[in-house]
N, C-alpha and C. Protein backbone atom coordinates (compact mmCIF):
# COMPACT_ATOMS: atom_id res chain seq x y z
N UNK A 1 0.85 -1.17 0.00
CA UNK A 1 0.00 0.00 0.00
C UNK A 1 0.90 1.23 0.00
N UNK A 2 0.67 2.13 -0.93
CA UNK A 2 1.44 3.36 -1.05
C UNK A 2 0.60 4.51 -0.52
N UNK A 3 1.14 5.17 0.50
CA UNK A 3 0.46 6.33 1.07
C UNK A 3 1.35 7.53 0.83
N UNK A 4 0.77 8.55 0.27
CA UNK A 4 1.54 9.78 0.04
C UNK A 4 0.86 10.94 0.74
N UNK A 5 1.66 11.84 1.20
CA UNK A 5 1.16 13.05 1.84
C UNK A 5 1.51 14.20 0.92
N UNK A 6 0.52 14.75 0.28
CA UNK A 6 0.75 15.84 -0.66
C UNK A 6 0.19 17.12 -0.06
N UNK A 7 1.03 18.15 -0.05
CA UNK A 7 0.56 19.45 0.41
C UNK A 7 0.77 20.47 -0.70
N UNK A 8 -0.06 21.45 -0.73
CA UNK A 8 0.02 22.48 -1.74
C UNK A 8 0.20 23.83 -1.06
N UNK A 9 1.10 24.63 -1.59
CA UNK A 9 1.29 25.99 -1.09
C UNK A 9 0.55 26.92 -2.03
N UNK A 10 -0.23 27.83 -1.46
CA UNK A 10 -0.96 28.79 -2.28
C UNK A 10 0.01 29.87 -2.72
N UNK A 11 0.13 30.06 -4.00
CA UNK A 11 0.98 31.11 -4.55
C UNK A 11 0.05 32.17 -5.12
N UNK A 12 0.13 33.37 -4.59
CA UNK A 12 -0.74 34.44 -5.05
C UNK A 12 -0.18 35.06 -6.32
N UNK A 13 -0.95 34.99 -7.39
CA UNK A 13 -0.53 35.59 -8.65
C UNK A 13 -1.00 37.04 -8.73
N UNK A 14 -1.94 37.41 -7.93
CA UNK A 14 -2.40 38.78 -7.84
C UNK A 14 -2.92 38.99 -6.42
N UNK A 15 -3.49 40.15 -6.15
CA UNK A 15 -3.90 40.44 -4.78
C UNK A 15 -5.34 40.05 -4.47
N UNK A 16 -5.95 39.17 -5.27
CA UNK A 16 -7.32 38.74 -4.99
C UNK A 16 -7.39 37.72 -3.85
N UNK A 17 -6.31 36.99 -3.59
CA UNK A 17 -6.27 36.03 -2.50
C UNK A 17 -6.09 36.78 -1.18
N UNK A 18 -6.78 36.37 -0.14
CA UNK A 18 -6.63 36.98 1.18
C UNK A 18 -6.13 35.92 2.16
N UNK A 19 -4.88 36.03 2.57
CA UNK A 19 -4.31 35.11 3.55
C UNK A 19 -4.74 35.60 4.93
N UNK A 20 -5.71 34.93 5.52
CA UNK A 20 -6.27 35.39 6.79
C UNK A 20 -5.33 35.19 7.97
N UNK A 21 -4.14 34.67 7.72
CA UNK A 21 -3.12 34.55 8.76
C UNK A 21 -2.21 35.78 8.79
N UNK A 22 -2.31 36.63 7.76
CA UNK A 22 -1.46 37.82 7.69
C UNK A 22 -2.36 39.05 7.53
N UNK A 23 -2.72 39.67 8.65
CA UNK A 23 -3.51 40.90 8.62
C UNK A 23 -2.62 42.04 8.12
N UNK A 24 -3.19 42.92 7.30
CA UNK A 24 -2.42 44.02 6.73
C UNK A 24 -3.35 45.18 6.40
N UNK A 25 -2.92 46.39 6.72
CA UNK A 25 -3.69 47.59 6.41
C UNK A 25 -2.94 48.54 5.48
N UNK A 26 -1.87 48.07 4.86
CA UNK A 26 -1.04 48.91 3.98
C UNK A 26 -1.61 48.86 2.57
N UNK A 27 -2.53 49.77 2.27
CA UNK A 27 -3.22 49.75 0.99
C UNK A 27 -2.32 50.14 -0.18
N UNK A 28 -1.17 50.74 0.08
CA UNK A 28 -0.25 51.10 -1.00
C UNK A 28 0.62 49.92 -1.45
N UNK A 29 0.53 48.78 -0.75
CA UNK A 29 1.32 47.60 -1.11
C UNK A 29 0.61 46.81 -2.21
N UNK A 30 1.38 46.33 -3.16
CA UNK A 30 0.80 45.56 -4.27
C UNK A 30 0.23 44.23 -3.81
N UNK A 31 0.63 43.74 -2.63
CA UNK A 31 0.14 42.46 -2.12
C UNK A 31 -1.08 42.60 -1.21
N UNK A 32 -1.52 43.84 -0.94
CA UNK A 32 -2.68 44.06 -0.08
C UNK A 32 -3.94 43.63 -0.81
N UNK A 33 -4.77 42.84 -0.15
CA UNK A 33 -6.04 42.41 -0.74
C UNK A 33 -6.98 43.61 -0.77
N UNK A 34 -7.54 43.90 -1.93
CA UNK A 34 -8.38 45.08 -2.09
C UNK A 34 -9.75 44.95 -1.42
N UNK A 35 -10.17 43.74 -1.10
CA UNK A 35 -11.49 43.51 -0.51
C UNK A 35 -11.46 43.39 1.01
N UNK A 36 -10.28 43.12 1.57
CA UNK A 36 -10.17 42.92 3.02
C UNK A 36 -8.78 43.35 3.48
N UNK A 37 -8.61 43.53 4.76
CA UNK A 37 -7.32 43.95 5.29
C UNK A 37 -6.42 42.75 5.58
N UNK A 38 -6.06 42.03 4.51
CA UNK A 38 -5.16 40.89 4.60
C UNK A 38 -4.15 40.97 3.47
N UNK A 39 -3.03 40.29 3.67
CA UNK A 39 -2.00 40.18 2.64
C UNK A 39 -2.39 39.04 1.69
N UNK A 40 -2.00 39.17 0.43
CA UNK A 40 -2.31 38.13 -0.54
C UNK A 40 -1.17 37.12 -0.70
N UNK A 41 -0.06 37.32 0.00
CA UNK A 41 1.05 36.39 -0.11
C UNK A 41 0.85 35.17 0.79
N UNK A 42 1.47 34.06 0.44
CA UNK A 42 1.42 32.86 1.26
C UNK A 42 2.27 33.02 2.51
N UNK A 43 3.35 33.81 2.39
CA UNK A 43 4.20 34.10 3.54
C UNK A 43 4.89 35.43 3.29
N UNK A 44 5.33 36.07 4.37
CA UNK A 44 6.04 37.35 4.27
C UNK A 44 7.35 37.25 5.03
N UNK A 45 8.20 38.23 4.80
CA UNK A 45 9.45 38.35 5.55
C UNK A 45 9.37 39.63 6.37
N UNK A 46 9.67 39.53 7.66
CA UNK A 46 9.68 40.68 8.55
C UNK A 46 11.12 40.95 8.95
N UNK A 47 11.51 42.22 8.89
CA UNK A 47 12.88 42.59 9.24
C UNK A 47 12.90 43.77 10.19
N UNK A 48 14.09 44.14 10.59
CA UNK A 48 14.29 45.24 11.53
C UNK A 48 14.88 46.45 10.84
N UNK A 49 14.55 47.65 11.33
CA UNK A 49 15.27 48.84 10.91
C UNK A 49 15.87 49.55 12.13
N UNK A 50 15.83 48.89 13.26
CA UNK A 50 16.43 49.38 14.50
C UNK A 50 17.27 48.24 15.07
N UNK A 51 18.50 48.54 15.45
CA UNK A 51 19.39 47.49 15.96
C UNK A 51 18.90 46.89 17.28
N UNK A 52 18.18 47.67 18.06
CA UNK A 52 17.67 47.18 19.35
C UNK A 52 16.17 47.44 19.42
N UNK A 53 15.39 46.63 18.74
CA UNK A 53 13.94 46.88 18.70
C UNK A 53 13.29 46.74 20.07
N UNK A 54 12.46 47.71 20.39
CA UNK A 54 11.76 47.68 21.67
C UNK A 54 10.24 47.67 21.49
N UNK A 55 9.78 47.99 20.30
CA UNK A 55 8.35 47.98 20.02
C UNK A 55 8.13 47.77 18.52
N UNK A 56 6.87 47.54 18.14
CA UNK A 56 6.59 47.15 16.75
C UNK A 56 7.00 48.16 15.69
N UNK A 57 7.04 49.48 15.95
CA UNK A 57 7.49 50.38 14.88
C UNK A 57 8.94 50.14 14.45
N UNK A 58 9.68 49.33 15.18
CA UNK A 58 11.08 49.03 14.84
C UNK A 58 11.18 47.92 13.80
N UNK A 59 10.05 47.36 13.39
CA UNK A 59 10.07 46.25 12.42
C UNK A 59 9.38 46.67 11.13
N UNK A 60 9.71 45.98 10.04
CA UNK A 60 9.15 46.28 8.73
C UNK A 60 8.79 45.00 8.00
N UNK A 61 7.79 45.08 7.14
CA UNK A 61 7.49 43.98 6.23
C UNK A 61 8.43 44.11 5.05
N UNK A 62 9.34 43.16 4.91
CA UNK A 62 10.32 43.18 3.82
C UNK A 62 9.73 42.66 2.52
N UNK A 63 8.48 42.19 2.56
CA UNK A 63 7.81 41.72 1.35
C UNK A 63 7.04 42.85 0.66
N UNK A 64 7.04 44.04 1.25
CA UNK A 64 6.32 45.19 0.70
C UNK A 64 6.82 45.53 -0.70
N UNK A 65 5.87 45.77 -1.60
CA UNK A 65 6.16 46.31 -2.93
C UNK A 65 5.10 47.35 -3.24
N UNK A 66 5.52 48.52 -3.66
CA UNK A 66 4.59 49.60 -3.96
C UNK A 66 3.73 49.25 -5.17
N UNK A 67 2.42 49.51 -5.05
CA UNK A 67 1.52 49.30 -6.20
C UNK A 67 1.96 50.22 -7.32
N UNK A 68 1.96 49.72 -8.53
CA UNK A 68 2.40 50.53 -9.66
C UNK A 68 1.46 51.70 -9.95
N UNK A 69 0.19 51.56 -9.60
CA UNK A 69 -0.77 52.62 -9.87
C UNK A 69 -1.08 53.49 -8.65
N UNK A 70 -0.29 53.34 -7.58
CA UNK A 70 -0.55 54.07 -6.35
C UNK A 70 0.09 55.44 -6.42
N UNK A 71 -0.67 56.47 -6.12
CA UNK A 71 -0.14 57.83 -6.11
C UNK A 71 0.10 58.23 -4.67
N UNK A 72 1.31 58.66 -4.38
CA UNK A 72 1.67 59.10 -3.04
C UNK A 72 1.02 60.45 -2.78
N UNK A 73 0.34 60.55 -1.65
CA UNK A 73 -0.30 61.81 -1.27
C UNK A 73 0.53 62.46 -0.17
N UNK A 74 0.61 63.78 -0.22
CA UNK A 74 1.35 64.52 0.83
C UNK A 74 0.51 64.70 2.05
């Protein structure tokens, strides 16, 4: 008897997928789901911009990419 365990990773080809494990409110990101406040990626990378982080503003989503049609407002 052959038993196989097959798993599939969801790869988001656009931002229509909403990964409910990654909440996100950054609407200027190309991976932000337009219908809900979730990321459309299967996984993200989080990094630091402070050598000694003490609170969440010291971290960044390294998977961020600016939407090509997003206009920066002052």
